Amino acid sequence: MPHAVRSFQILAFGFPSRLPASVHVVLLTPKVFEDHPRTRFYGCKFQEYCPNGTVNQDAILADLKRLSLTVAHKCDMEERLASLRLHWATYEDVIRKMPDSSPAEGSPSPTAD
């Protein structure tokens, strides 16, 4: 099983004794792919899985069934998918929202040792 799939299974479905209350998955891409999502397969899947900002559980369940992906333990898949939140962020948004890291005016500049 690919490492990313297994990591997602643990994150989303946890261990039977401690399931996360909510799971947020962020797709991080250049803005051009968010503006033109159908140019990439993941953009098509994101639109299918999260039309209008709401998770489409039926689409995800259909793919899980078709791909024969299972979790390591029994769980209520619909309950787990109800806790799933999908987000699309762009590099440009992340960079724009980063705090300014330049030294404050009047503060001493770092010296090389």
Foldseek 3Di string as FASTA:
>chain_A
DDPVVLVVLCQLQNDVVDHDQAHEDEAEEAVVCVVVVVVDPVSVVCCVQAPPQRGDLVSVVVVCVVVVDDHPDDDDSVSSVVRYGYYYHYPVNVVVPDDDPDDDPPDDDDDDD
